[in-house]
């Protein structure tokens, strides 16, 4: 293929998408001097932004337990059952204060499992002032990191990368020894404002898979230009220093960048692909769903990221996306509100993130990766007559990862309103992640002038860091799990002929409870793989027949693995 044909096939202002395993991707670089990259190299953390295109219905994602009757009254044709149904909402965490307690959609078992493992942070009521419910404008605002009346040409991630990593002159000095990989990679074919920097635009081409991408750039031949002229060609002198000339120079640099990134990313992907973890990513929704919603569009994207990182990729920010959340009609099945398009979408997120976190753990990468969801708005509190919901405002955000500060931040929405009220400005979440995850100084993030910092605009909560990331030790994670899965001391102890054993589990699971003698032999089985509901359980245990002495009783119940001592005397 001639370079002229190669360039002719590019959109003039497009970013530089390529593909791995059939997934279109985009690489981003910058044009500022390398000033901070070496200093930041000790932070090898990665952020994945999961965009839920269309506006996710947060109220059917997180069902308000404390006000369920009003929830059902507001949306009777789409409400998720609380009882008397094989498919009913999953109680997330009964240890939370009642106004914070939520039920998960029944197809979000994977998320429930991650929550119990202390790997999920939920933020309720995320929005921005004067949310207008527009797909395009809303997406731009979330990507800009600004307010409703801002019209910025740069995005918050682009400014972060520009200010904190500042690559050398692009394309001439990029990649370089400090950063061989793109600073950001995007899946899909859109050009996203989120990665735009103040003086630069991303670069891109599009193909179907890594081998085709690699072969494409290998086949490029030089221009048949005048001898001695740069084989990429040069813009006419009259265009020097003009926006068009800069864009043309940018396009002419694509060929070499394509070559560099193709070889590098193909190598990294192949290395990661050769590492087998036996983690199975969900490909389809296990139940009936309309149209193409049964196919999982997220799993392949997350699996590619896991393999790239496993191969040694240093990319800092990834953007993945799912569509289908604009559920004005047929959000749920007419015969079962727990089924339908929205159910399939929530399953794809939940099951994929469980597989992804398991994959990261198996690859030794889970310390490095944080995933954050974002959606341009939520849905209205009232359902409509088409078994759907209309554009709203506030919605929950989810953070996934080993080092999130687990739990729920915020309370259930006021269902007496038409829209979900704002509890947190979305920029406060972004700023908190930049400060506590990427360790960027507050003066750069949100401590300076609102029109000059990475996160723009004056908003409620500006400068206040939310407790989203666990900045302490693993102790707090262990404490979170122990508060939700615990074996209490039995009583009485010492005991004569009987004692009461008590345990708490935060999710339904099978339970085995046994008594062992001092030699470690099981001498009494209290429960054996018996299914128990979430909550506290008390069991009277008959000790007759066991001789006096020291014993241990142990429990295995989901995440709960614990032992305690028991003394029998007579």
Protein backbone atom coordinates (compact mmCIF):
# COMPACT_ATOMS: atom_id res chain seq x y z
CA UNK A 1 0.00 0.00 0.00
CA UNK A 2 1.31 3.47 -0.90
CA UNK A 3 1.65 6.03 1.86
CA UNK A 4 -0.59 8.37 -0.13
CA UNK A 5 -3.38 5.78 -0.08
CA UNK A 6 -2.69 5.08 3.59
CA UNK A 7 -3.06 8.77 4.49
CA UNK A 8 -6.02 9.21 2.16
CA UNK A 9 -7.90 6.61 4.20
CA UNK A 10 -7.42 8.59 7.42
CA UNK A 11 -9.92 11.14 8.73
CA UNK A 12 -8.10 14.48 8.73
CA UNK A 13 -8.88 15.24 12.36
CA UNK A 14 -9.16 11.65 13.53
CA UNK A 15 -7.23 10.06 16.32
CA UNK A 16 -4.93 7.13 15.63
CA UNK A 17 -6.99 3.95 16.19
CA UNK A 18 -5.62 0.53 15.56
CA UNK A 19 -6.82 -2.86 16.70
CA UNK A 20 -5.76 -5.81 18.80
CA UNK A 21 -7.74 -9.03 18.54
CA UNK A 22 -10.35 -7.25 16.47
CA UNK A 23 -10.80 -4.39 18.95
CA UNK A 24 -10.25 -0.91 17.48
CA UNK A 25 -7.88 1.11 19.67
CA UNK A 26 -6.39 4.57 19.70
CA UNK A 27 -2.95 5.72 20.83
CA UNK A 28 -2.27 9.14 22.28
CA UNK A 29 0.94 11.09 22.60
CA UNK A 30 1.89 14.69 23.32
CA UNK A 31 4.15 17.48 22.18
CA UNK A 32 5.61 18.97 25.35
CA UNK A 33 9.17 18.60 26.72
CA UNK A 34 9.98 15.62 28.94
CA UNK A 35 10.17 17.15 32.41
CA UNK A 36 8.39 14.93 34.90
CA UNK A 37 8.26 11.46 33.36
CA UNK A 38 11.32 10.11 35.16
CA UNK A 39 10.13 11.51 38.49
CA UNK A 40 6.72 9.88 38.06
CA UNK A 41 8.06 6.52 36.88
CA UNK A 42 7.87 5.01 40.37
CA UNK A 43 4.06 5.17 40.17
CA UNK A 44 3.18 2.34 37.82
CA UNK A 45 -0.55 2.60 38.44
CA UNK A 46 -3.12 2.35 35.67
CA UNK A 47 -6.61 3.81 35.32
CA UNK A 48 -9.28 2.22 33.14
CA UNK A 49 -12.32 4.36 32.36
CA UNK A 50 -15.41 2.33 31.51
CA UNK A 51 -17.87 4.53 29.63
CA UNK A 52 -21.53 3.48 29.78
CA UNK A 53 -22.93 5.23 26.72
CA UNK A 54 -26.55 6.29 26.82
CA UNK A 55 -27.15 7.08 30.48
CA UNK A 56 -27.34 4.16 32.90
CA UNK A 57 -30.45 3.67 35.06
CA UNK A 58 -28.89 3.78 38.49
CA UNK A 59 -32.13 3.07 40.35
CA UNK A 60 -32.56 -0.36 38.76
CA UNK A 61 -28.84 -0.98 39.21
CA UNK A 62 -28.90 -0.14 42.92
CA UNK A 63 -32.40 -0.69 44.31
CA UNK A 64 -33.14 1.51 47.38
CA UNK A 65 -33.85 -1.01 50.14
CA UNK A 66 -34.97 1.57 52.70
CA UNK A 67 -37.75 2.91 50.49
CA UNK A 68 -38.65 -0.10 48.39
CA UNK A 69 -42.43 0.42 48.47
CA UNK A 70 -42.11 3.92 47.02
CA UNK A 71 -39.57 2.63 44.49
CA UNK A 72 -42.11 0.06 43.32
CA UNK A 73 -44.85 2.71 43.20
CA UNK A 74 -42.72 5.04 41.06
CA UNK A 75 -41.84 2.38 38.49
CA UNK A 76 -44.34 -0.51 38.79
CA UNK A 77 -43.73 -1.90 35.29
CA UNK A 78 -39.95 -2.19 35.64
CA UNK A 79 -39.35 -2.60 39.41
CA UNK A 80 -37.02 -5.42 40.48
CA UNK A 81 -38.80 -7.76 42.94
CA UNK A 82 -37.74 -7.82 46.57
CA UNK A 83 -39.36 -11.13 47.47
CA UNK A 84 -41.60 -13.94 46.19
CA UNK A 85 -39.55 -14.35 43.04
CA UNK A 86 -36.73 -16.64 41.98
CA UNK A 87 -35.06 -13.54 40.54
CA UNK A 88 -35.07 -10.74 43.10
CA UNK A 89 -32.59 -8.11 44.09
CA UNK A 90 -29.39 -9.15 45.86
CA UNK A 91 -28.88 -7.38 49.22
CA UNK A 92 -25.46 -5.76 48.94
CA UNK A 93 -24.48 -5.11 52.53
CA UNK A 94 -26.72 -5.37 55.59
CA UNK A 95 -24.03 -3.84 57.81
CA UNK A 96 -24.54 -0.40 56.23
CA UNK A 97 -26.88 2.19 57.77
CA UNK A 98 -30.39 1.65 56.45
CA UNK A 99 -30.45 4.81 54.26
CA UNK A 100 -27.32 3.51 52.50
CA UNK A 101 -28.45 -0.08 51.96
CA UNK A 102 -29.08 -1.11 48.37
CA UNK A 103 -30.06 -4.21 46.48
CA UNK A 104 -28.18 -5.19 43.35
CA UNK A 105 -29.92 -6.24 40.16
CA UNK A 106 -30.10 -10.06 40.24
CA UNK A 107 -27.66 -10.33 37.32
CA UNK A 108 -24.91 -8.53 39.26
CA UNK A 109 -23.66 -11.48 41.28
CA UNK A 110 -20.09 -10.88 40.07
CA UNK A 111 -20.14 -7.35 41.45
CA UNK A 112 -21.52 -8.64 44.74
CA UNK A 113 -18.63 -11.09 44.97
CA UNK A 114 -16.12 -8.31 44.28
CA UNK A 115 -17.80 -6.11 46.89
CA UNK A 116 -17.46 -8.84 49.50
CA UNK A 117 -13.78 -9.10 48.55
CA UNK A 118 -13.38 -5.36 49.32
CA UNK A 119 -12.78 -4.50 45.66
CA UNK A 120 -15.74 -2.19 44.93
CA UNK A 121 -16.44 1.41 45.88
CA UNK A 122 -19.88 2.83 45.01
CA UNK A 123 -20.53 6.57 44.90
CA UNK A 124 -24.19 7.58 44.92
CA UNK A 125 -25.73 10.64 43.28
CA UNK A 126 -22.92 11.74 40.95
CA UNK A 127 -23.76 14.58 38.57
CA UNK A 128 -22.92 18.23 37.91
CA UNK A 129 -24.75 21.52 38.29
CA UNK A 130 -27.48 22.10 35.68
CA UNK A 131 -27.21 18.63 34.15
CA UNK A 132 -29.20 19.02 30.93
CA UNK A 133 -29.63 15.34 30.07
CA UNK A 134 -27.97 15.67 26.66
CA UNK A 135 -25.96 12.72 25.38
CA UNK A 136 -23.44 14.72 23.39
CA UNK A 137 -23.08 17.75 25.61
CA UNK A 138 -23.10 15.59 28.73
CA UNK A 139 -20.34 13.38 27.37
CA UNK A 140 -18.26 16.43 26.46
CA UNK A 141 -18.65 17.88 29.94
CA UNK A 142 -17.57 14.64 31.63
CA UNK A 143 -14.60 14.38 29.28
CA UNK A 144 -13.59 18.03 29.66
CA UNK A 145 -13.53 17.92 33.44
CA UNK A 146 -15.37 21.25 33.51
CA UNK A 147 -18.76 22.75 34.27
CA UNK A 148 -22.01 22.97 32.34
CA UNK A 149 -21.09 26.34 30.82
CA UNK A 150 -17.50 25.44 29.87
CA UNK A 151 -16.46 24.74 26.29
CA UNK A 152 -12.92 23.43 26.51
CA UNK A 153 -10.75 22.06 23.75
CA UNK A 154 -8.91 19.73 26.11
CA UNK A 155 -9.88 16.84 28.38
CA UNK A 156 -9.06 16.16 32.00
CA UNK A 157 -6.97 13.06 31.26
CA UNK A 158 -5.13 14.89 28.49
CA UNK A 159 -4.25 17.72 30.87
CA UNK A 160 -3.18 15.23 33.54
CA UNK A 161 -0.85 13.42 31.17
CA UNK A 162 0.42 16.67 29.73
CA UNK A 163 1.17 18.25 33.10
CA UNK A 164 2.60 15.18 34.82
CA UNK A 165 4.32 13.14 32.13
CA UNK A 166 4.93 15.72 29.42
CA UNK A 167 6.36 13.57 26.61
CA UNK A 168 8.98 14.96 24.30
CA UNK A 169 8.19 16.57 20.95
CA UNK A 170 5.72 14.38 19.09
CA UNK A 171 6.25 12.67 16.74
CA UNK A 172 9.99 13.28 16.38
CA UNK A 173 11.04 12.31 19.92
CA UNK A 174 8.32 9.83 20.76
CA UNK A 175 8.43 6.95 21.77
CA UNK A 176 11.52 7.40 23.93
CA UNK A 177 13.52 5.48 26.47
CA UNK A 178 11.36 6.65 29.35
CA UNK A 179 8.05 5.80 27.67
CA UNK A 180 8.00 3.29 24.84
CA UNK A 181 4.22 2.93 24.91
CA UNK A 182 1.31 5.29 24.24
CA UNK A 183 0.34 7.21 27.36
CA UNK A 184 -3.30 6.39 26.65
CA UNK A 185 -5.18 3.78 24.62
CA UNK A 186 -8.80 3.96 23.57
CA UNK A 187 -11.09 1.23 22.29
CA UNK A 188 -13.58 2.18 19.60
CA UNK A 189 -13.77 4.46 16.59
CA UNK A 190 -14.80 7.78 18.13
CA UNK A 191 -12.44 10.67 18.75
CA UNK A 192 -12.66 11.36 22.46
CA UNK A 193 -12.13 14.80 23.93
CA UNK A 194 -10.98 13.25 27.19
CA UNK A 195 -7.45 12.68 25.83
CA UNK A 196 -7.02 16.04 24.11
CA UNK A 197 -4.31 18.24 25.51
CA UNK A 198 -4.14 22.00 25.47
CA UNK A 199 -1.90 22.19 22.40
CA UNK A 200 -2.24 18.81 20.73
CA UNK A 201 -4.67 16.26 19.30
CA UNK A 202 -4.41 12.45 19.29
CA UNK A 203 -3.23 10.43 16.26
CA UNK A 204 -4.93 7.37 14.69
CA UNK A 205 -5.61 4.71 12.03
CA UNK A 206 -8.09 1.83 12.12
CA UNK A 207 -7.82 -1.86 11.28
CA UNK A 208 -9.17 -5.16 12.58
CA UNK A 209 -6.49 -7.04 14.53
CA UNK A 210 -2.84 -6.79 15.65
CA UNK A 211 -1.41 -8.84 12.82
CA UNK A 212 -3.24 -6.82 10.18
CA UNK A 213 -2.10 -3.61 11.84
CA UNK A 214 1.50 -4.78 11.96
CA UNK A 215 1.39 -6.00 8.35
CA UNK A 216 -0.23 -2.79 7.16
CA UNK A 217 2.50 -0.51 8.41
CA UNK A 218 5.20 -2.92 7.24
CA UNK A 219 3.85 -2.69 3.68
CA UNK A 220 3.89 1.10 3.50
CA UNK A 221 6.16 2.45 0.78
CA UNK A 222 7.73 5.90 0.61
CA UNK A 223 6.31 8.82 -1.30
CA UNK A 224 7.53 9.20 -4.88
CA UNK A 225 8.63 12.73 -4.01
CA UNK A 226 11.61 14.72 -5.16
CA UNK A 227 14.96 13.19 -4.31
CA UNK A 228 16.35 14.41 -1.01
CA UNK A 229 12.98 15.50 0.35
CA UNK A 230 11.66 14.01 3.59
CA UNK A 231 9.93 10.79 2.40
CA UNK A 232 6.95 11.69 4.56
CA UNK A 233 6.49 14.87 2.56
CA UNK A 234 6.42 18.38 3.97
CA UNK A 235 3.59 20.93 4.12
CA UNK A 236 3.87 24.03 1.91
CA UNK A 237 5.77 26.86 3.59
CA UNK A 238 2.69 29.07 3.51
CA UNK A 239 1.07 26.72 6.05
CA UNK A 240 3.88 27.00 8.58
CA UNK A 241 2.64 27.78 12.10
CA UNK A 242 -0.98 27.55 10.98
CA UNK A 243 -3.47 25.13 12.59
CA UNK A 244 -3.85 23.35 9.25
CA UNK A 245 -0.09 23.05 8.88
CA UNK A 246 0.22 21.61 12.36
CA UNK A 247 -2.50 19.08 11.58
CA UNK A 248 -0.82 18.16 8.31
CA UNK A 249 2.53 17.69 10.04
CA UNK A 250 0.73 15.55 12.58
CA UNK A 251 -0.76 13.34 9.86
CA UNK A 252 2.57 13.02 8.07
CA UNK A 253 4.09 11.70 11.28
CA UNK A 254 1.57 8.89 11.55
CA UNK A 255 3.48 6.42 9.43
CA UNK A 256 6.49 6.22 11.72
CA UNK A 257 4.31 6.25 14.82
CA UNK A 258 2.21 3.45 13.32
CA UNK A 259 5.32 1.41 12.75
CA UNK A 260 6.72 2.02 16.23
CA UNK A 261 3.52 1.36 18.14
CA UNK A 262 2.46 -1.58 15.98
CA UNK A 263 5.66 -3.49 16.63
CA UNK A 264 5.76 -2.57 20.31
CA UNK A 265 2.13 -3.34 21.17
CA UNK A 266 2.05 -6.51 19.11
CA UNK A 267 5.10 -7.74 21.03
CA UNK A 268 3.56 -6.86 24.40
CA UNK A 269 0.25 -8.45 23.51
CA UNK A 270 1.92 -11.65 22.33
CA UNK A 271 3.90 -11.87 25.57
CA UNK A 272 0.76 -11.42 27.65
CA UNK A 273 -1.24 -13.79 25.46
CA UNK A 274 1.32 -16.53 26.09
CA UNK A 275 0.69 -16.31 29.84
CA UNK A 276 -2.26 -18.55 30.62
CA UNK A 277 -4.36 -17.82 33.72
CA UNK A 278 -7.35 -20.13 33.11
CA UNK A 279 -9.72 -17.22 33.79
CA UNK A 280 -12.77 -17.43 31.53
CA UNK A 281 -14.29 -14.13 30.40
CA UNK A 282 -18.07 -14.19 29.82
CA UNK A 283 -18.91 -13.91 26.13
CA UNK A 284 -22.72 -13.91 26.22
CA UNK A 285 -25.62 -13.22 28.55
CA UNK A 286 -26.82 -16.61 29.90
CA UNK A 287 -30.52 -15.78 29.45
CA UNK A 288 -32.72 -14.54 26.63
CA UNK A 289 -32.23 -10.90 25.65
CA UNK A 290 -33.38 -8.77 22.70
CA UNK A 291 -31.32 -8.00 19.64
CA UNK A 292 -27.58 -7.92 20.02
CA UNK A 293 -27.59 -7.30 23.75
CA UNK A 294 -26.74 -10.94 24.50
CA UNK A 295 -23.22 -10.51 23.16
CA UNK A 296 -20.74 -9.15 25.70
CA UNK A 297 -18.98 -6.10 24.20
CA UNK A 298 -16.79 -5.46 27.24
CA UNK A 299 -15.07 -8.77 27.95
CA UNK A 300 -12.74 -8.67 24.94
CA UNK A 301 -11.63 -5.13 25.70
CA UNK A 302 -10.75 -5.92 29.31
CA UNK A 303 -8.99 -9.14 28.38
CA UNK A 304 -6.79 -7.28 25.90
CA UNK A 305 -5.83 -4.75 28.58
CA UNK A 306 -4.91 -7.56 30.99
CA UNK A 307 -2.68 -9.14 28.35
CA UNK A 308 -1.03 -5.85 27.35
CA UNK A 309 -0.24 -5.04 30.97
CA UNK A 310 0.97 -8.57 31.55
CA UNK A 311 3.29 -8.14 28.57
CA UNK A 312 4.83 -5.04 30.12
CA UNK A 313 2.75 -2.20 28.66
CA UNK A 314 3.30 1.08 30.52
CA UNK A 315 0.21 2.89 29.22
CA UNK A 316 -1.32 4.95 32.03
CA UNK A 317 -4.97 5.37 31.01
CA UNK A 318 -7.31 3.15 29.00
CA UNK A 319 -10.79 4.04 27.78
CA UNK A 320 -13.26 1.22 27.11
CA UNK A 321 -16.93 1.61 26.34
CA UNK A 322 -20.29 -0.09 26.22
CA UNK A 323 -23.41 1.22 24.52
CA UNK A 324 -27.11 0.44 24.84
CA UNK A 325 -27.94 2.30 28.07
CA UNK A 326 -30.37 4.77 26.46
CA UNK A 327 -33.32 2.64 27.53
CA UNK A 328 -36.40 4.74 26.69
CA UNK A 329 -38.31 1.61 25.67
CA UNK A 330 -38.03 -2.09 26.46
CA UNK A 331 -35.46 -1.58 29.19
CA UNK A 332 -37.02 -4.67 30.73
CA UNK A 333 -38.96 -7.58 29.35
CA UNK A 334 -42.73 -7.14 29.46
CA UNK A 335 -43.12 -10.54 31.13
CA UNK A 336 -40.26 -10.21 33.65
CA UNK A 337 -38.75 -6.90 34.87
CA UNK A 338 -35.54 -8.67 35.86
CA UNK A 339 -34.88 -9.63 32.23
CA UNK A 340 -34.22 -7.63 29.10
CA UNK A 341 -31.64 -5.24 27.66
CA UNK A 342 -30.64 -3.54 30.90
CA UNK A 343 -30.28 -6.87 32.69
CA UNK A 344 -27.91 -8.10 29.98
CA UNK A 345 -25.83 -4.91 30.14
CA UNK A 346 -25.50 -5.11 33.92
CA UNK A 347 -24.51 -8.76 33.65
CA UNK A 348 -21.81 -7.90 31.12
CA UNK A 349 -20.32 -5.29 33.46
CA UNK A 350 -20.57 -7.39 36.60
CA UNK A 351 -19.35 -10.71 35.20
CA UNK A 352 -16.59 -9.10 33.13
CA UNK A 353 -15.21 -7.09 36.02
CA UNK A 354 -15.14 -10.22 38.20
CA UNK A 355 -13.22 -12.07 35.50
CA UNK A 356 -10.92 -9.10 34.93
CA UNK A 357 -10.04 -8.74 38.61
CA UNK A 358 -9.43 -12.49 38.86
CA UNK A 359 -7.24 -12.28 35.75
CA UNK A 360 -5.24 -9.38 37.16
CA UNK A 361 -4.71 -11.27 40.40
CA UNK A 362 -3.53 -14.37 38.55
CA UNK A 363 -1.10 -12.22 36.54
CA UNK A 364 0.22 -10.41 39.61
CA UNK A 365 -1.18 -7.07 38.43
CA UNK A 366 -4.09 -6.27 40.73
CA UNK A 367 -2.05 -3.84 42.85
CA UNK A 368 -1.64 -1.57 39.82
CA UNK A 369 -5.09 -1.26 38.24
CA UNK A 370 -8.14 0.85 39.05
CA UNK A 371 -11.33 0.83 36.94
CA UNK A 372 -13.91 3.62 37.05
CA UNK A 373 -17.32 3.75 35.40
CA UNK A 374 -18.82 6.91 33.94
CA UNK A 375 -22.10 7.69 32.18
CA UNK A 376 -23.31 11.02 30.82
CA UNK A 377 -26.38 11.05 33.09
CA UNK A 378 -28.78 8.78 34.94
CA UNK A 379 -32.46 8.08 34.31
CA UNK A 380 -35.56 9.64 35.81
CA UNK A 381 -37.11 8.16 38.94
CA UNK A 382 -40.46 7.45 37.26
CA UNK A 383 -40.64 4.74 34.61
CA UNK A 384 -42.55 5.44 31.39
CA UNK A 385 -45.30 3.49 29.65
CA UNK A 386 -42.87 1.80 27.27
CA UNK A 387 -41.19 -0.31 29.96
CA UNK A 388 -38.30 2.11 30.02
CA UNK A 389 -36.91 5.26 31.60
CA UNK A 390 -36.16 8.73 30.26
CA UNK A 391 -33.13 11.00 30.56
CA UNK A 392 -32.37 12.06 34.12
CA UNK A 393 -29.47 13.56 36.02
CA UNK A 394 -27.66 11.89 38.92
CA UNK A 395 -26.41 8.30 38.84
CA UNK A 396 -24.01 6.04 40.74
CA UNK A 397 -20.38 5.55 39.80
CA UNK A 398 -18.42 2.37 40.49
CA UNK A 399 -14.73 1.94 41.26
CA UNK A 400 -13.14 -1.52 41.00
CA UNK A 401 -9.74 -2.60 42.25
CA UNK A 402 -7.72 -4.05 45.09
CA UNK A 403 -6.93 -0.65 46.57
CA UNK A 404 -10.31 1.03 46.51
CA UNK A 405 -11.72 2.13 49.84
CA UNK A 406 -14.55 -0.43 49.78
CA UNK A 407 -18.15 0.31 50.59
CA UNK A 408 -20.86 2.80 49.62
CA UNK A 409 -20.39 6.57 49.70
CA UNK A 410 -23.64 8.53 49.83
CA UNK A 411 -27.25 7.62 50.52
CA UNK A 412 -30.19 6.40 48.48
CA UNK A 413 -31.92 9.05 46.33
CA UNK A 414 -35.05 10.90 47.39
CA UNK A 415 -37.75 9.13 45.40
CA UNK A 416 -40.24 11.94 45.97
CA UNK A 417 -38.36 13.94 43.34
CA UNK A 418 -38.49 13.49 39.59
CA UNK A 419 -34.72 13.20 39.24
CA UNK A 420 -31.92 11.67 41.27
CA UNK A 421 -30.37 14.52 43.23
CA UNK A 422 -26.68 15.37 43.16
CA UNK A 423 -24.62 14.35 46.17
CA UNK A 424 -21.19 14.61 44.56
CA UNK A 425 -19.89 16.58 41.60
CA UNK A 426 -18.23 14.19 39.16
CA UNK A 427 -15.10 16.35 39.21
CA UNK A 428 -14.59 15.59 42.88
CA UNK A 429 -14.29 11.91 41.98
CA UNK A 430 -11.79 12.65 39.20
CA UNK A 431 -9.74 14.92 41.46
CA UNK A 432 -9.66 12.37 44.28
CA UNK A 433 -8.41 9.68 41.91
CA UNK A 434 -5.68 11.92 40.51
CA UNK A 435 -4.48 12.83 44.01
CA UNK A 436 -4.75 9.48 45.79
CA UNK A 437 -4.26 7.01 42.93
CA UNK A 438 -1.80 8.79 40.65
CA UNK A 439 -0.32 10.84 43.53
CA UNK A 440 -0.57 14.14 41.67
CA UNK A 441 -0.11 17.22 43.82
CA UNK A 442 -3.27 18.99 44.90
CA UNK A 443 -1.87 22.28 43.57
CA UNK A 444 -2.01 20.83 40.06
CA UNK A 445 -5.30 18.97 40.41
CA UNK A 446 -7.77 21.29 42.12
CA UNK A 447 -5.79 23.55 44.41
CA UNK A 448 -4.98 26.28 41.93
CA UNK A 449 -7.09 28.64 39.88
CA UNK A 450 -10.25 26.89 38.62
CA UNK A 451 -9.47 27.83 35.01
CA UNK A 452 -5.84 26.64 35.13
CA UNK A 453 -5.82 23.38 37.10
CA UNK A 454 -6.30 19.89 35.68
CA UNK A 455 -9.87 19.75 37.02
CA UNK A 456 -11.64 22.89 35.88
CA UNK A 457 -14.40 25.05 37.26
CA UNK A 458 -15.66 26.10 40.66
CA UNK A 459 -17.93 23.44 42.17
CA UNK A 460 -19.14 22.29 45.55
CA UNK A 461 -16.50 20.05 47.10
CA UNK A 462 -13.60 21.48 45.09
CA UNK A 463 -10.37 20.85 46.95
CA UNK A 464 -11.91 18.18 49.20
CA UNK A 465 -10.55 14.68 48.57
CA UNK A 466 -13.13 11.92 48.87
CA UNK A 467 -12.16 8.63 50.59
CA UNK A 468 -12.16 6.56 47.40
CA UNK A 469 -8.69 5.03 47.48
CA UNK A 470 -7.26 3.05 50.39
CA UNK A 471 -4.13 5.04 51.16
CA UNK A 472 -3.39 3.21 54.41
CA UNK A 473 -2.54 -0.50 54.64
CA UNK A 474 -4.07 -3.85 53.90
CA UNK A 475 -5.38 -3.79 57.48
CA UNK A 476 -8.39 -1.68 56.51
CA UNK A 477 -9.30 -4.13 53.74
CA UNK A 478 -9.06 -7.05 56.15
CA UNK A 479 -11.20 -5.13 58.62
CA UNK A 480 -13.84 -4.48 55.94
CA UNK A 481 -14.10 -8.20 55.16
CA UNK A 482 -14.05 -9.25 58.81
CA UNK A 483 -16.92 -6.87 59.57
CA UNK A 484 -19.03 -8.68 56.99
CA UNK A 485 -17.91 -12.27 57.46
CA UNK A 486 -17.16 -13.24 61.03
CA UNK A 487 -17.21 -16.10 63.51
CA UNK A 488 -18.01 -15.02 67.06
CA UNK A 489 -16.78 -16.63 70.29
CA UNK A 490 -19.17 -19.33 71.42
CA UNK A 491 -20.95 -19.13 74.76
CA UNK A 492 -20.76 -20.46 77.31
CA UNK A 493 -17.05 -21.17 77.02
CA UNK A 494 -15.88 -23.16 78.94
CA UNK A 495 -18.91 -25.35 78.27
CA UNK A 496 -20.30 -28.51 79.83
CA UNK A 497 -22.82 -30.21 77.56
CA UNK A 498 -23.79 -27.51 75.07
CA UNK A 499 -22.73 -24.16 73.64
CA UNK A 500 -24.08 -21.62 71.15
CA UNK A 501 -22.03 -20.93 68.04
CA UNK A 502 -22.71 -17.73 66.15
CA UNK A 503 -21.53 -16.38 62.79
CA UNK A 504 -22.40 -13.61 60.33
CA UNK A 505 -22.21 -13.79 56.53
CA UNK A 506 -22.87 -10.87 54.18
CA UNK A 507 -24.04 -13.00 51.28
CA UNK A 508 -25.91 -16.31 50.91
CA UNK A 509 -23.44 -19.18 50.75
CA UNK A 510 -22.84 -22.77 51.79
CA UNK A 511 -21.51 -23.19 55.32
CA UNK A 512 -19.42 -25.92 56.91
CA UNK A 513 -18.98 -25.72 60.70
CA UNK A 514 -16.94 -28.41 62.48
CA UNK A 515 -15.39 -29.19 65.87
CA UNK A 516 -11.83 -30.58 65.91
CA UNK A 517 -9.86 -32.15 68.75
CA UNK A 518 -6.33 -31.20 69.75
CA UNK A 519 -4.92 -33.59 67.11
CA UNK A 520 -6.82 -31.79 64.34
CA UNK A 521 -9.35 -34.57 63.79
CA UNK A 522 -12.98 -33.65 63.09
CA UNK A 523 -15.01 -35.00 66.02
CA UNK A 524 -18.31 -33.26 65.35
CA UNK A 525 -19.90 -31.77 62.23
CA UNK A 526 -22.40 -29.03 63.00
CA UNK A 527 -23.06 -27.98 59.38
CA UNK A 528 -21.82 -29.56 56.17
CA UNK A 529 -22.12 -27.49 52.97
CA UNK A 530 -25.49 -26.21 54.13
CA UNK A 531 -26.90 -23.16 52.32
CA UNK A 532 -27.49 -20.19 54.60
CA UNK A 533 -28.93 -16.75 53.87
CA UNK A 534 -27.06 -13.52 54.53
CA UNK A 535 -27.23 -12.36 58.12
CA UNK A 536 -26.43 -13.61 61.61
CA UNK A 537 -26.90 -17.28 62.49
CA UNK A 538 -26.98 -18.92 65.94
CA UNK A 539 -26.71 -22.65 66.48
CA UNK A 540 -27.08 -24.62 69.71
CA UNK A 541 -24.41 -27.34 69.60
CA UNK A 542 -24.75 -30.51 71.68
CA UNK A 543 -21.37 -31.41 73.21
CA UNK A 544 -22.45 -34.60 74.98
CA UNK A 545 -20.25 -37.47 74.03
CA UNK A 546 -17.14 -35.30 73.65
CA UNK A 547 -14.62 -35.83 76.47
CA UNK A 548 -13.35 -32.85 78.47
CA UNK A 549 -10.45 -30.99 76.92
CA UNK A 550 -9.44 -28.28 74.46
CA UNK A 551 -11.06 -28.13 71.03
CA UNK A 552 -11.14 -25.89 67.99
CA UNK A 553 -14.24 -25.11 65.98
CA UNK A 554 -13.82 -23.84 62.45
CA UNK A 555 -16.03 -22.40 59.75
CA UNK A 556 -15.83 -22.26 55.97
CA UNK A 557 -18.46 -19.99 54.43
CA UNK A 558 -17.63 -18.17 51.22
CA UNK A 559 -14.90 -15.68 52.11
CA UNK A 560 -15.07 -16.64 55.77
CA UNK A 561 -12.33 -18.99 56.96
CA UNK A 562 -11.88 -18.83 60.70
CA UNK A 563 -11.28 -20.86 63.85
CA UNK A 564 -11.88 -20.33 67.56
CA UNK A 565 -11.07 -22.23 70.74
CA UNK A 566 -13.52 -24.21 72.87
CA UNK A 567 -12.94 -25.74 76.30
CA UNK A 568 -15.17 -28.57 77.56
CA UNK A 569 -15.02 -29.34 81.28
CA UNK A 570 -17.08 -31.52 83.62
